[in-house]
Amino acid sequence: MALMRRQSLVKFDAPLCETIVETPKPQGNEVLVRIERCGLCHSDLHIQDGYADLGGGKRLDTTRGMTLPFTLGHEIAGVVEDVGPDVSNDLIGAKKAVFPWIGCGQCRDCLTGDENLCLKQRFLGVSIDGGFASHVLVPDAKYLLDYDPLPVNQAATLMCSGVTAYGALKRLVDRPRQRNLLLIGLGGVGMMGLSFAQAMFTQKISVADVNPAAREAALKNGAAIAYDPSEGDIAKRIGQPRAARAVARACATNPVAVAIPCHRVVRGDGALGGYRWGIQRKQKLLALEKKGSVSKSG
């Protein structure tokens, strides 16, 4: 049997190591995907470290329930190489992005399309082996998404950073009061959100980050105004006390970077989270990208 190579976590707070195992044979509805691209998410680094820094000297333990060696990576795109007996062989050779936020498939959240909220999660690269490998075993063919004609690099990153930003913004689309939009944090997710926001909304987009280089990049890529949360007159400049307090809270938890990249989108009258990103939302996100209406931030 062919061998599968993985870059595995064998010890927390240590470099990944190559591990070699037999390539799994898909059973039932399972699908084996040969990986072409797998993005690196900051959560991968948190898991590798064994903790996430919450600011203020607080840490979130990321080692609980994990058995090593473990293969990280959840921003996956590749080619179907093998399928289980309950899956059509016509799928072999197809280029697909992989939805990683997989639940038990039976609970209320899973049945309503919110598998990412499942308490018995099977998240690829988080709960079960993921994409830092030559192959990944996907539990069901339904988690494969068409991404053509998008570039494979772009398709992979949309599976996490893309849908995180999109999920937050999508909650604002149908709100009757389309007021000013403020994105807090301009890392990878935040810049992705800036691109999506320009395709999804007609109003000008404001952003906030403590990093001057990030603010400059956002202004070059379509942001109308860029705020520095550390400024003393930030509340006056924004003109909305609640929004200003949200920016200040995000900044106060970590003096180096805003703690809420784009999971929180502030619209003057409050802050909204973006954690509902089921597979249907992934499909809508890919459709938006395929239309070519999303600006390409550098």
C-alpha atoms as a PDB file:
ATOM      1  CA  MET A   1       0.000   0.000   0.000  1.00  0.00           C
ATOM      2  CA  ALA A   2       1.186   3.526  -0.762  1.00  0.00           C
ATOM      3  CA  LEU A   3       2.507   5.585   2.103  1.00  0.00           C
ATOM      4  CA  MET A   4       1.151   8.910   3.313  1.00  0.00           C
ATOM      5  CA  ARG A   5       3.565  11.566   4.538  1.00  0.00           C
ATOM      6  CA  ARG A   6       2.516  14.033   7.212  1.00  0.00           C
ATOM      7  CA  GLN A   7       4.036  16.964   9.053  1.00  0.00           C
ATOM      8  CA  SER A   8       2.765  16.036  12.486  1.00  0.00           C
ATOM      9  CA  LEU A   9       2.605  17.586  15.904  1.00  0.00           C
ATOM     10  CA  VAL A  10       4.536  15.135  18.097  1.00  0.00           C
ATOM     11  CA  LYS A  11       5.220  17.490  21.000  1.00  0.00           C
ATOM     12  CA  PHE A  12       3.633  20.776  22.022  1.00  0.00           C
ATOM     13  CA  ASP A  13       5.729  23.931  21.722  1.00  0.00           C
ATOM     14  CA  ALA A  14       8.070  22.147  19.312  1.00  0.00           C
ATOM     15  CA  PRO A  15       8.601  21.957  15.532  1.00  0.00           C
ATOM     16  CA  LEU A  16       6.457  19.592  13.470  1.00  0.00           C
ATOM     17  CA  CYS A  17       8.039  16.302  12.443  1.00  0.00           C
ATOM     18  CA  GLU A  18       7.498  14.091   9.415  1.00  0.00           C
ATOM     19  CA  THR A  19       5.547  10.943  10.144  1.00  0.00           C
ATOM     20  CA  ILE A  20       4.890   8.236   7.563  1.00  0.00           C
ATOM     21  CA  VAL A  21       1.873   5.933   7.703  1.00  0.00           C
ATOM     22  CA  GLU A  22      -0.080   3.751   5.315  1.00  0.00           C
ATOM     23  CA  THR A  23      -2.463   5.729   3.157  1.00  0.00           C
ATOM     24  CA  PRO A  24      -5.981   5.086   4.482  1.00  0.00           C
ATOM     25  CA  LYS A  25      -8.498   3.272   2.319  1.00  0.00           C
ATOM     26  CA  PRO A  26     -11.840   5.130   2.199  1.00  0.00           C
ATOM     27  CA  GLN A  27     -14.843   3.278   3.604  1.00  0.00           C
ATOM     28  CA  GLY A  28     -18.539   3.965   3.076  1.00  0.00           C
ATOM     29  CA  ASN A  29     -18.991   7.620   2.062  1.00  0.00           C
ATOM     30  CA  GLU A  30     -15.403   8.572   2.845  1.00  0.00           C
ATOM     31  CA  VAL A  31     -13.169  10.271   0.297  1.00  0.00           C
ATOM     32  CA  LEU A  32      -9.378  10.396   0.068  1.00  0.00           C
ATOM     33  CA  VAL A  33      -8.084  13.758  -1.159  1.00  0.00           C
ATOM     34  CA  ARG A  34      -4.527  14.283  -2.401  1.00  0.00           C
ATOM     35  CA  ILE A  35      -3.626  17.674  -1.045  1.00  0.00           C
ATOM     36  CA  GLU A  36      -2.449  20.402  -3.392  1.00  0.00           C
ATOM     37  CA  ARG A  37      -2.650  23.305  -0.937  1.00  0.00           C
ATOM     38  CA  CYS A  38      -3.188  23.683   2.791  1.00  0.00           C
ATOM     39  CA  GLY A  39      -3.143  27.135   4.360  1.00  0.00           C
ATOM     40  CA  LEU A  40      -1.534  27.967   7.682  1.00  0.00           C
ATOM     41  CA  CYS A  41      -4.038  29.445  10.134  1.00  0.00           C
ATOM     42  CA  HIS A  42      -3.021  31.195  13.348  1.00  0.00           C
ATOM     43  CA  SER A  43      -5.088  28.647  15.254  1.00  0.00           C
ATOM     44  CA  ASP A  44      -2.669  25.983  13.977  1.00  0.00           C
ATOM     45  CA  LEU A  45       0.105  27.884  15.756  1.00  0.00           C
ATOM     46  CA  HIS A  46      -1.968  28.103  18.936  1.00  0.00           C
ATOM     47  CA  ILE A  47      -2.472  24.339  18.917  1.00  0.00           C
ATOM     48  CA  GLN A  48       1.210  23.769  18.201  1.00  0.00           C
ATOM     49  CA  ASP A  49       2.155  26.050  21.109  1.00  0.00           C
ATOM     50  CA  GLY A  50      -0.255  24.255  23.405  1.00  0.00           C
ATOM     51  CA  TYR A  51      -2.090  27.448  24.328  1.00  0.00           C
ATOM     52  CA  ALA A  52      -3.667  30.605  22.957  1.00  0.00           C
ATOM     53  CA  ASP A  53      -2.719  33.950  24.481  1.00  0.00           C
ATOM     54  CA  LEU A  54      -5.924  35.664  25.630  1.00  0.00           C
ATOM     55  CA  GLY A  55      -4.120  38.774  26.822  1.00  0.00           C
ATOM     56  CA  GLY A  56      -3.715  40.057  30.337  1.00  0.00           C
ATOM     57  CA  GLY A  57      -1.589  37.064  31.268  1.00  0.00           C
ATOM     58  CA  LYS A  58      -4.433  34.618  30.558  1.00  0.00           C
ATOM     59  CA  ARG A  59      -4.029  31.508  28.417  1.00  0.00           C
ATOM     60  CA  LEU A  60      -6.418  29.062  26.807  1.00  0.00           C
ATOM     61  CA  ASP A  61      -5.182  25.459  26.984  1.00  0.00           C
ATOM     62  CA  THR A  62      -5.256  23.876  23.500  1.00  0.00           C
ATOM     63  CA  THR A  63      -3.838  20.488  24.525  1.00  0.00           C
ATOM     64  CA  ARG A  64      -6.942  19.015  26.133  1.00  0.00           C
ATOM     65  CA  GLY A  65      -8.302  15.918  24.443  1.00  0.00           C
ATOM     66  CA  MET A  66      -5.516  15.742  21.861  1.00  0.00           C
ATOM     67  CA  THR A  67      -3.583  12.553  21.171  1.00  0.00           C
ATOM     68  CA  LEU A  68      -0.154  12.909  19.563  1.00  0.00           C
ATOM     69  CA  PRO A  69       1.085  12.553  16.897  1.00  0.00           C
ATOM     70  CA  PHE A  70      -1.536  14.756  15.291  1.00  0.00           C
ATOM     71  CA  THR A  71      -1.755  16.404  11.872  1.00  0.00           C
ATOM     72  CA  LEU A  72      -2.850  20.035  11.806  1.00  0.00           C
ATOM     73  CA  GLY A  73      -4.213  22.010   8.840  1.00  0.00           C
ATOM     74  CA  HIS A  74      -7.813  22.851   7.932  1.00  0.00           C
ATOM     75  CA  GLU A  75      -7.567  25.188   4.901  1.00  0.00           C
ATOM     76  CA  ILE A  76      -7.482  22.385   2.356  1.00  0.00           C
ATOM     77  CA  ALA A  77      -7.863  22.035  -1.407  1.00  0.00           C
ATOM     78  CA  GLY A  78      -6.807  19.132  -3.574  1.00  0.00           C
ATOM     79  CA  VAL A  79      -7.729  16.310  -5.935  1.00  0.00           C
ATOM     80  CA  VAL A  80      -9.941  13.322  -5.156  1.00  0.00           C
ATOM     81  CA  GLU A  81      -7.717  10.257  -5.375  1.00  0.00           C
ATOM     82  CA  ASP A  82      -9.952   7.496  -3.999  1.00  0.00           C
ATOM     83  CA  VAL A  83     -13.518   7.041  -2.767  1.00  0.00           C
ATOM     84  CA  GLY A  84     -15.397   4.615  -0.563  1.00  0.00           C
ATOM     85  CA  PRO A  85     -17.783   2.004  -2.009  1.00  0.00           C
ATOM     86  CA  ASP A  86     -20.815   4.248  -1.412  1.00  0.00           C
ATOM     87  CA  VAL A  87     -19.396   7.114  -3.491  1.00  0.00           C
ATOM     88  CA  SER A  88     -19.435   7.331  -7.288  1.00  0.00           C
ATOM     89  CA  ASN A  89     -16.087   6.695  -8.957  1.00  0.00           C
ATOM     90  CA  ASP A  90     -16.861   9.653 -11.217  1.00  0.00           C
ATOM     91  CA  LEU A  91     -15.607  11.860  -8.386  1.00  0.00           C
ATOM     92  CA  ILE A  92     -12.043  10.553  -8.732  1.00  0.00           C
ATOM     93  CA  GLY A  93      -9.794  13.181 -10.281  1.00  0.00           C
ATOM     94  CA  ALA A  94     -12.054  16.100  -9.378  1.00  0.00           C
ATOM     95  CA  LYS A  95     -10.447  19.216  -7.916  1.00  0.00           C
ATOM     96  CA  LYS A  96     -12.166  20.157  -4.661  1.00  0.00           C
ATOM     97  CA  ALA A  97     -11.900  22.405  -1.647  1.00  0.00           C
ATOM     98  CA  VAL A  98     -12.633  20.638   1.638  1.00  0.00           C
ATOM     99  CA  PHE A  99     -15.139  21.915   4.199  1.00  0.00           C
ATOM    100  CA  PRO A 100     -13.290  21.239   7.489  1.00  0.00           C
ATOM    101  CA  TRP A 101     -15.885  22.156  10.155  1.00  0.00           C
ATOM    102  CA  ILE A 102     -17.466  18.721  10.351  1.00  0.00           C
ATOM    103  CA  GLY A 103     -19.885  17.720  13.104  1.00  0.00           C
ATOM    104  CA  CYS A 104     -21.500  14.471  14.201  1.00  0.00           C
ATOM    105  CA  GLY A 105     -24.171  14.796  11.509  1.00  0.00           C
ATOM    106  CA  GLN A 106     -27.001  13.887  13.869  1.00  0.00           C
ATOM    107  CA  CYS A 107     -27.508  16.668  16.428  1.00  0.00           C
ATOM    108  CA  ARG A 108     -29.805  19.678  16.016  1.00  0.00           C
ATOM    109  CA  ASP A 109     -27.005  21.996  14.924  1.00  0.00           C
ATOM    110  CA  CYS A 110     -25.765  19.560  12.289  1.00  0.00           C
ATOM    111  CA  LEU A 111     -29.256  18.925  10.953  1.00  0.00           C
ATOM    112  CA  THR A 112     -29.854  22.668  10.552  1.00  0.00           C
ATOM    113  CA  GLY A 113     -26.604  23.167   8.649  1.00  0.00           C
ATOM    114  CA  ASP A 114     -24.491  24.534  11.512  1.00  0.00           C
ATOM    115  CA  GLU A 115     -22.051  21.656  11.900  1.00  0.00           C
ATOM    116  CA  ASN A 116     -19.362  24.041  13.116  1.00  0.00           C
ATOM    117  CA  LEU A 117     -21.418  24.470  16.322  1.00  0.00           C
ATOM    118  CA  CYS A 118     -21.600  20.712  16.997  1.00  0.00           C
ATOM    119  CA  LEU A 119     -20.427  19.652  20.466  1.00  0.00           C
ATOM    120  CA  LYS A 120     -19.169  16.339  19.031  1.00  0.00           C
ATOM    121  CA  GLN A 121     -17.100  18.018  16.358  1.00  0.00           C
ATOM    122  CA  ARG A 122     -14.831  16.218  13.917  1.00  0.00           C
ATOM    123  CA  PHE A 123     -13.036  19.299  12.628  1.00  0.00           C
ATOM    124  CA  LEU A 124     -10.253  18.452  10.194  1.00  0.00           C
ATOM    125  CA  GLY A 125      -6.896  19.520  11.583  1.00  0.00           C
ATOM    126  CA  VAL A 126      -8.432  20.307  14.972  1.00  0.00           C
ATOM    127  CA  SER A 127     -10.181  17.129  16.146  1.00  0.00           C
ATOM    128  CA  ILE A 128      -9.144  14.629  13.464  1.00  0.00           C
ATOM    129  CA  ASP A 129      -6.041  14.597  11.263  1.00  0.00           C
ATOM    130  CA  GLY A 130      -5.951  17.426   8.762  1.00  0.00           C
ATOM    131  CA  GLY A 131      -4.129  18.797   5.765  1.00  0.00           C
ATOM    132  CA  PHE A 132      -0.439  19.150   6.607  1.00  0.00           C
ATOM    133  CA  ALA A 133       0.084  15.913   4.730  1.00  0.00           C
ATOM    134  CA  SER A 134       0.153  14.363   1.297  1.00  0.00           C
ATOM    135  CA  HIS A 135      -3.460  13.185   1.739  1.00  0.00           C
ATOM    136  CA  VAL A 136      -6.455  13.711   3.988  1.00  0.00           C
ATOM    137  CA  LEU A 137      -9.349  11.331   4.643  1.00  0.00           C
ATOM    138  CA  VAL A 138     -12.631  13.258   4.459  1.00  0.00           C
ATOM    139  CA  PRO A 139     -15.552  11.608   6.340  1.00  0.00           C
ATOM    140  CA  ASP A 140     -18.109  12.202   3.569  1.00  0.00           C
ATOM    141  CA  ALA A 141     -18.121  13.323  -0.059  1.00  0.00           C
ATOM    142  CA  LYS A 142     -20.697  16.003   0.808  1.00  0.00           C
ATOM    143  CA  TYR A 143     -17.892  18.045   2.401  1.00  0.00           C
ATOM    144  CA  LEU A 144     -16.186  18.567  -0.961  1.00  0.00           C
ATOM    145  CA  LEU A 145     -16.812  21.881  -2.700  1.00  0.00           C
ATOM    146  CA  ASP A 146     -16.271  22.912  -6.323  1.00  0.00           C
ATOM    147  CA  TYR A 147     -13.956  25.891  -6.543  1.00  0.00           C
ATOM    148  CA  ASP A 148     -13.250  26.157 -10.283  1.00  0.00           C
ATOM    149  CA  PRO A 149     -12.369  28.686 -11.755  1.00  0.00           C
ATOM    150  CA  LEU A 150     -10.756  30.101  -8.595  1.00  0.00           C
ATOM    151  CA  PRO A 151      -7.010  29.543  -8.035  1.00  0.00           C
ATOM    152  CA  VAL A 152      -6.322  26.634  -5.700  1.00  0.00           C
ATOM    153  CA  ASN A 153      -4.448  28.896  -3.243  1.00  0.00           C
ATOM    154  CA  GLN A 154      -7.469  31.143  -2.899  1.00  0.00           C
ATOM    155  CA  ALA A 155      -9.894  28.236  -2.571  1.00  0.00           C
ATOM    156  CA  ALA A 156      -7.936  26.738   0.333  1.00  0.00           C
ATOM    157  CA  THR A 157      -7.808  29.928   2.388  1.00  0.00           C
ATOM    158  CA  LEU A 158     -11.511  30.580   1.860  1.00  0.00           C
ATOM    159  CA  MET A 159     -12.259  27.491   3.941  1.00  0.00           C
ATOM    160  CA  CYS A 160     -11.336  29.336   7.143  1.00  0.00           C
ATOM    161  CA  SER A 161     -10.200  32.945   6.990  1.00  0.00           C
ATOM    162  CA  GLY A 162     -12.570  33.643   4.116  1.00  0.00           C
ATOM    163  CA  VAL A 163     -15.680  32.192   5.679  1.00  0.00           C
ATOM    164  CA  THR A 164     -14.873  33.729   9.081  1.00  0.00           C
ATOM    165  CA  ALA A 165     -15.002  37.209   7.591  1.00  0.00           C
ATOM    166  CA  TYR A 166     -17.909  36.391   5.294  1.00  0.00           C
ATOM    167  CA  GLY A 167     -19.946  34.839   8.115  1.00  0.00           C
ATOM    168  CA  ALA A 168     -19.746  38.017  10.180  1.00  0.00           C
ATOM    169  CA  LEU A 169     -20.576  40.310   7.265  1.00  0.00           C
ATOM    170  CA  LYS A 170     -23.441  38.150   5.994  1.00  0.00           C
ATOM    171  CA  ARG A 171     -25.341  38.782   9.225  1.00  0.00           C
ATOM    172  CA  LEU A 172     -25.493  42.471   8.354  1.00  0.00           C
ATOM    173  CA  VAL A 173     -26.687  42.258   4.762  1.00  0.00           C
ATOM    174  CA  ASP A 174     -30.434  42.174   5.468  1.00  0.00           C
ATOM    175  CA  ARG A 175     -30.485  44.570   8.415  1.00  0.00           C
ATOM    176  CA  PRO A 176     -32.884  47.452   7.646  1.00  0.00           C
ATOM    177  CA  ARG A 177     -30.528  50.155   8.964  1.00  0.00           C
ATOM    178  CA  GLN A 178     -27.475  50.076   6.721  1.00  0.00           C
ATOM    179  CA  ARG A 179     -25.258  52.374   8.759  1.00  0.00           C
ATOM    180  CA  ASN A 180     -21.507  52.778   8.700  1.00  0.00           C
ATOM    181  CA  LEU A 181     -19.500  49.580   8.830  1.00  0.00           C
ATOM    182  CA  LEU A 182     -16.404  49.237  11.025  1.00  0.00           C
ATOM    183  CA  LEU A 183     -14.037  46.270  10.798  1.00  0.00           C
ATOM    184  CA  ILE A 184     -11.856  45.731  13.872  1.00  0.00           C
ATOM    185  CA  GLY A 185      -8.467  44.153  13.208  1.00  0.00           C
ATOM    186  CA  LEU A 186      -6.560  43.925   9.927  1.00  0.00           C
ATOM    187  CA  GLY A 187      -4.742  40.630   9.917  1.00  0.00           C
ATOM    188  CA  GLY A 188      -5.455  37.976   7.297  1.00  0.00           C
ATOM    189  CA  VAL A 189      -9.117  37.661   8.284  1.00  0.00           C
ATOM    190  CA  GLY A 190      -9.627  41.399   8.562  1.00  0.00           C
ATOM    191  CA  MET A 191      -8.159  42.135   5.137  1.00  0.00           C
ATOM    192  CA  MET A 192     -10.274  39.346   3.689  1.00  0.00           C
ATOM    193  CA  GLY A 193     -13.286  40.992   5.329  1.00  0.00           C
ATOM    194  CA  LEU A 194     -12.393  44.331   3.774  1.00  0.00           C
ATOM    195  CA  SER A 195     -12.455  42.734   0.318  1.00  0.00           C
ATOM    196  CA  PHE A 196     -15.804  41.044   0.949  1.00  0.00           C
ATOM    197  CA  ALA A 197     -17.366  44.134   2.507  1.00  0.00           C
ATOM    198  CA  GLN A 198     -16.696  46.176  -0.623  1.00  0.00           C
ATOM    199  CA  ALA A 199     -18.476  43.537  -2.712  1.00  0.00           C
ATOM    200  CA  MET A 200     -21.411  43.128  -0.298  1.00  0.00           C
ATOM    201  CA  PHE A 201     -22.201  46.692   0.801  1.00  0.00           C
ATOM    202  CA  THR A 202     -22.587  50.088  -0.817  1.00  0.00           C
ATOM    203  CA  GLN A 203     -21.562  52.243   2.148  1.00  0.00           C
ATOM    204  CA  LYS A 204     -17.979  53.219   2.877  1.00  0.00           C
ATOM    205  CA  ILE A 205     -15.951  50.834   5.030  1.00  0.00           C
ATOM    206  CA  SER A 206     -14.035  52.001   8.108  1.00  0.00           C
ATOM    207  CA  VAL A 207     -11.346  49.912   9.798  1.00  0.00           C
ATOM    208  CA  ALA A 208      -9.399  49.943  13.078  1.00  0.00           C
ATOM    209  CA  ASP A 209      -6.040  48.460  14.024  1.00  0.00           C
ATOM    210  CA  VAL A 210      -3.123  49.435  16.254  1.00  0.00           C
ATOM    211  CA  ASN A 211      -0.626  48.557  13.533  1.00  0.00           C
ATOM    212  CA  PRO A 212       0.095  51.563  11.267  1.00  0.00           C
ATOM    213  CA  ALA A 213       1.281  49.332   8.418  1.00  0.00           C
ATOM    214  CA  ALA A 214      -2.001  47.415   8.542  1.00  0.00           C
ATOM    215  CA  ARG A 215      -3.996  50.649   8.466  1.00  0.00           C
ATOM    216  CA  GLU A 216      -1.998  51.879   5.481  1.00  0.00           C
ATOM    217  CA  ALA A 217      -2.557  48.596   3.627  1.00  0.00           C
ATOM    218  CA  ALA A 218      -6.291  48.805   4.295  1.00  0.00           C
ATOM    219  CA  LEU A 219      -6.490  52.361   2.954  1.00  0.00           C
ATOM    220  CA  LYS A 220      -4.664  51.270  -0.194  1.00  0.00           C
ATOM    221  CA  ASN A 221      -7.164  48.448  -0.631  1.00  0.00           C
ATOM    222  CA  GLY A 222     -10.403  50.375  -0.357  1.00  0.00           C
ATOM    223  CA  ALA A 223     -10.984  51.385   3.266  1.00  0.00           C
ATOM    224  CA  ALA A 224     -12.411  54.888   3.593  1.00  0.00           C
ATOM    225  CA  ILE A 225     -11.118  55.619   7.109  1.00  0.00           C
ATOM    226  CA  ALA A 226      -8.562  53.826   9.304  1.00  0.00           C
ATOM    227  CA  TYR A 227      -8.667  54.386  13.065  1.00  0.00           C
ATOM    228  CA  ASP A 228      -5.905  53.874  15.612  1.00  0.00           C
ATOM    229  CA  PRO A 229      -7.637  52.422  18.725  1.00  0.00           C
ATOM    230  CA  SER A 230      -4.843  53.716  20.974  1.00  0.00           C
ATOM    231  CA  GLU A 231      -5.622  57.358  20.208  1.00  0.00           C
ATOM    232  CA  GLY A 232      -7.046  59.326  23.110  1.00  0.00           C
ATOM    233  CA  ASP A 233      -9.858  60.914  21.078  1.00  0.00           C
ATOM    234  CA  ILE A 234     -10.991  57.679  19.406  1.00  0.00           C
ATOM    235  CA  ALA A 235     -14.556  57.954  20.753  1.00  0.00           C
ATOM    236  CA  LYS A 236     -14.915  61.475  19.375  1.00  0.00           C
ATOM    237  CA  ARG A 237     -13.453  60.508  15.998  1.00  0.00           C
ATOM    238  CA  ILE A 238     -15.747  57.523  15.561  1.00  0.00           C
ATOM    239  CA  GLY A 239     -18.732  59.470  16.844  1.00  0.00           C
ATOM    240  CA  GLN A 240     -20.435  56.388  18.293  1.00  0.00           C
ATOM    241  CA  PRO A 241     -19.641  55.666  21.973  1.00  0.00           C
ATOM    242  CA  ARG A 242     -20.642  51.995  21.851  1.00  0.00           C
ATOM    243  CA  ALA A 243     -18.549  51.338  18.770  1.00  0.00           C
ATOM    244  CA  ALA A 244     -15.618  53.216  20.318  1.00  0.00           C
ATOM    245  CA  ARG A 245     -15.842  51.119  23.478  1.00  0.00           C
ATOM    246  CA  ALA A 246     -15.798  47.936  21.376  1.00  0.00           C
ATOM    247  CA  VAL A 247     -12.647  49.130  19.610  1.00  0.00           C
ATOM    248  CA  ALA A 248     -11.046  50.017  22.943  1.00  0.00           C
ATOM    249  CA  ARG A 249     -11.898  46.624  24.455  1.00  0.00           C
ATOM    250  CA  ALA A 250     -10.420  44.840  21.452  1.00  0.00           C
ATOM    251  CA  CYS A 251      -7.228  46.851  21.775  1.00  0.00           C
ATOM    252  CA  ALA A 252      -6.920  46.660  25.564  1.00  0.00           C
ATOM    253  CA  THR A 253      -6.667  42.865  25.708  1.00  0.00           C
ATOM    254  CA  ASN A 254      -3.425  42.862  23.746  1.00  0.00           C
ATOM    255  CA  PRO A 255      -1.094  45.832  23.299  1.00  0.00           C
ATOM    256  CA  VAL A 256       0.464  44.356  20.150  1.00  0.00           C
ATOM    257  CA  ALA A 257      -2.552  43.563  18.026  1.00  0.00           C
ATOM    258  CA  VAL A 258      -6.307  43.895  18.118  1.00  0.00           C
ATOM    259  CA  ALA A 259      -7.681  40.759  19.698  1.00  0.00           C
ATOM    260  CA  ILE A 260     -10.789  40.440  17.523  1.00  0.00           C
ATOM    261  CA  PRO A 261      -9.674  40.184  13.897  1.00  0.00           C
ATOM    262  CA  CYS A 262     -12.994  40.133  12.089  1.00  0.00           C
ATOM    263  CA  HIS A 263     -15.128  37.809  14.180  1.00  0.00           C
ATOM    264  CA  ARG A 264     -16.602  41.055  15.445  1.00  0.00           C
ATOM    265  CA  VAL A 265     -18.025  43.615  13.046  1.00  0.00           C
ATOM    266  CA  VAL A 266     -19.139  46.920  14.563  1.00  0.00           C
ATOM    267  CA  ARG A 267     -21.845  48.992  12.901  1.00  0.00           C
ATOM    268  CA  GLY A 268     -22.122  52.001  15.184  1.00  0.00           C
ATOM    269  CA  ASP A 269     -24.952  50.438  17.211  1.00  0.00           C
ATOM    270  CA  GLY A 270     -23.163  47.306  18.371  1.00  0.00           C
ATOM    271  CA  ALA A 271     -20.939  44.340  17.690  1.00  0.00           C
ATOM    272  CA  LEU A 272     -21.877  41.175  15.877  1.00  0.00           C
ATOM    273  CA  GLY A 273     -20.085  37.845  15.863  1.00  0.00           C
ATOM    274  CA  GLY A 274     -19.512  35.713  12.781  1.00  0.00           C
ATOM    275  CA  TYR A 275     -19.293  32.117  13.963  1.00  0.00           C
ATOM    276  CA  ARG A 276     -22.142  30.545  11.979  1.00  0.00           C
ATOM    277  CA  TRP A 277     -20.319  29.226   8.930  1.00  0.00           C
ATOM    278  CA  GLY A 278     -22.003  25.995   7.856  1.00  0.00           C
ATOM    279  CA  ILE A 279     -21.341  24.367   4.512  1.00  0.00           C
ATOM    280  CA  GLN A 280     -24.186  26.308   2.855  1.00  0.00           C
ATOM    281  CA  ARG A 281     -22.406  29.554   3.757  1.00  0.00           C
ATOM    282  CA  LYS A 282     -19.192  28.187   2.253  1.00  0.00           C
ATOM    283  CA  GLN A 283     -21.053  27.511  -0.986  1.00  0.00           C
ATOM    284  CA  LYS A 284     -22.428  31.066  -1.064  1.00  0.00           C
ATOM    285  CA  LEU A 285     -18.959  32.457  -0.381  1.00  0.00           C
ATOM    286  CA  LEU A 286     -17.458  30.490  -3.264  1.00  0.00           C
ATOM    287  CA  ALA A 287     -20.256  31.713  -5.526  1.00  0.00           C
ATOM    288  CA  LEU A 288     -19.478  35.326  -4.581  1.00  0.00           C
ATOM    289  CA  GLU A 289     -15.795  34.802  -5.343  1.00  0.00           C
ATOM    290  CA  LYS A 290     -16.512  33.110  -8.675  1.00  0.00           C
ATOM    291  CA  LYS A 291     -18.551  36.135  -9.780  1.00  0.00           C
ATOM    292  CA  GLY A 292     -15.328  38.132  -9.566  1.00  0.00           C
ATOM    293  CA  SER A 293     -16.926  40.905  -7.525  1.00  0.00           C
ATOM    294  CA  VAL A 294     -14.524  40.624  -4.598  1.00  0.00           C
ATOM    295  CA  SER A 295     -11.558  42.975  -4.713  1.00  0.00           C
ATOM    296  CA  LYS A 296      -8.150  41.351  -4.420  1.00  0.00           C
ATOM    297  CA  SER A 297      -6.406  42.904  -1.424  1.00  0.00           C
ATOM    298  CA  GLY A 298      -2.642  42.783  -1.539  1.00  0.00           C
END
